[in-house]
Amino acid sequence: MVEIESNVKLMQEYQERAQQCGAQVSKHKVDGDFKMRSLGMKITKTQALQDQASKKRIKIVAEIETEGNDEVKKKAQQEKKKKERKRRLREII
């Protein structure tokens, strides 16, 4: 009889410990899931910022190239005008 009672007590203790362990595991699982979601959000934000930065870089490079092409065209036109003036002066003289 004493043996049965001690076994019942042990069984109850084991059940309580199992419940406590289950609660701790659940807590860790929830914490882990939350951390994974927050990491996923950080990664998504970082990728979005990188995409925006690369788009800005491309836009700036395109603007610089356009400005450079405009300057080259202006210089070429100025050279043509100078040559045309020189040619006209030679014709007059």
Protein backbone atom coordinates (compact mmCIF):
# COMPACT_ATOMS: atom_id res chain seq x y z
CA MET A 1 0.00 0.00 0.00
CA VAL A 2 2.80 2.39 0.90
CA GLU A 3 4.51 1.47 -2.31
CA ILE A 4 1.41 2.33 -4.35
CA GLU A 5 1.05 5.69 -2.62
CA SER A 6 4.71 6.55 -3.21
CA ASN A 7 4.35 5.52 -6.85
CA VAL A 8 1.25 7.73 -7.18
CA LYS A 9 3.16 10.66 -5.67
CA LEU A 10 6.08 10.07 -8.03
CA MET A 11 3.70 9.88 -10.95
CA GLN A 12 2.10 13.19 -9.96
CA GLU A 13 5.53 14.81 -9.60
CA TYR A 14 6.55 13.54 -13.03
CA GLN A 15 3.34 14.88 -14.55
CA GLU A 16 3.88 18.31 -12.96
CA ARG A 17 7.48 18.41 -14.17
CA ALA A 18 6.39 17.35 -17.64
CA GLN A 19 3.84 20.18 -17.71
CA GLN A 20 6.46 22.68 -16.57
CA CYS A 21 8.88 21.47 -19.22
CA GLY A 22 6.14 21.66 -21.84
CA ALA A 23 5.40 25.25 -20.82
CA GLN A 24 9.08 26.17 -21.05
CA VAL A 25 9.38 24.54 -24.46
CA SER A 26 6.31 26.43 -25.67
CA LYS A 27 7.76 29.69 -24.38
CA HIS A 28 11.06 29.06 -26.14
CA LYS A 29 9.23 28.13 -29.33
CA VAL A 30 7.19 31.35 -29.25
CA ASP A 31 10.33 33.39 -28.55
CA GLY A 32 12.14 31.66 -31.40
CA ASP A 33 9.25 32.22 -33.80
CA PHE A 34 9.13 35.91 -32.85
CA LYS A 35 12.87 36.29 -33.37
CA MET A 36 12.67 34.58 -36.76
CA ARG A 37 9.84 36.88 -37.86
CA SER A 38 11.67 39.99 -36.72
CA LEU A 39 14.83 38.83 -38.51
CA GLY A 40 12.78 38.22 -41.64
CA MET A 41 11.37 41.73 -41.42
CA LYS A 42 14.86 43.20 -40.96
CA ILE A 43 16.11 41.28 -43.99
CA THR A 44 13.16 42.47 -46.07
CA LYS A 45 13.72 46.10 -45.02
CA THR A 46 17.44 45.83 -45.74
CA GLN A 47 16.78 44.41 -49.20
CA ALA A 48 14.26 47.18 -49.92
CA LEU A 49 16.79 49.82 -48.85
CA GLN A 50 19.48 48.22 -51.01
CA ASP A 51 17.11 48.22 -53.99
CA GLN A 52 16.32 51.90 -53.45
CA ALA A 53 20.00 52.74 -53.13
CA SER A 54 20.88 50.90 -56.34
CA LYS A 55 18.04 52.67 -58.19
CA LYS A 56 19.34 56.03 -56.94
CA ARG A 57 22.88 55.11 -58.01
CA ILE A 58 21.68 54.15 -61.48
CA LYS A 59 19.71 57.39 -61.77
CA ILE A 60 22.67 59.50 -60.63
CA VAL A 61 25.04 57.74 -63.03
CA ALA A 62 22.58 58.29 -65.88
CA GLU A 63 22.34 61.99 -65.01
CA ILE A 64 26.12 62.33 -64.88
CA GLU A 65 26.49 60.59 -68.23
CA THR A 66 23.82 62.82 -69.75
CA GLU A 67 25.53 65.93 -68.39
CA GLY A 68 28.85 64.71 -69.74
CA ASN A 69 27.34 64.07 -73.17
CA ASP A 70 25.76 67.53 -73.16
CA GLU A 71 29.11 69.12 -72.35
CA VAL A 72 30.81 67.20 -75.15
CA LYS A 73 28.12 68.29 -77.59
CA LYS A 74 28.45 71.93 -76.50
CA LYS A 75 32.22 71.81 -76.95
CA ALA A 76 31.81 70.25 -80.38
CA GLN A 77 29.34 72.96 -81.39
CA GLN A 78 31.68 75.68 -80.11
CA GLU A 79 34.54 74.19 -82.12
CA LYS A 80 32.35 74.11 -85.23
CA LYS A 81 31.41 77.76 -84.71
CA LYS A 82 35.07 78.74 -84.28
CA LYS A 83 36.04 76.89 -87.45
CA GLU A 84 33.14 78.47 -89.32
CA ARG A 85 34.20 81.96 -88.17
CA LYS A 86 37.79 81.32 -89.19
CA ARG A 87 36.64 80.07 -92.59
CA ARG A 88 34.50 83.17 -93.10
CA LEU A 89 37.35 85.46 -92.08
CA ARG A 90 39.64 83.74 -94.59
CA GLU A 91 37.02 84.19 -97.31
CA ILE A 92 36.72 87.88 -96.52
CA ILE A 93 40.47 88.42 -96.56
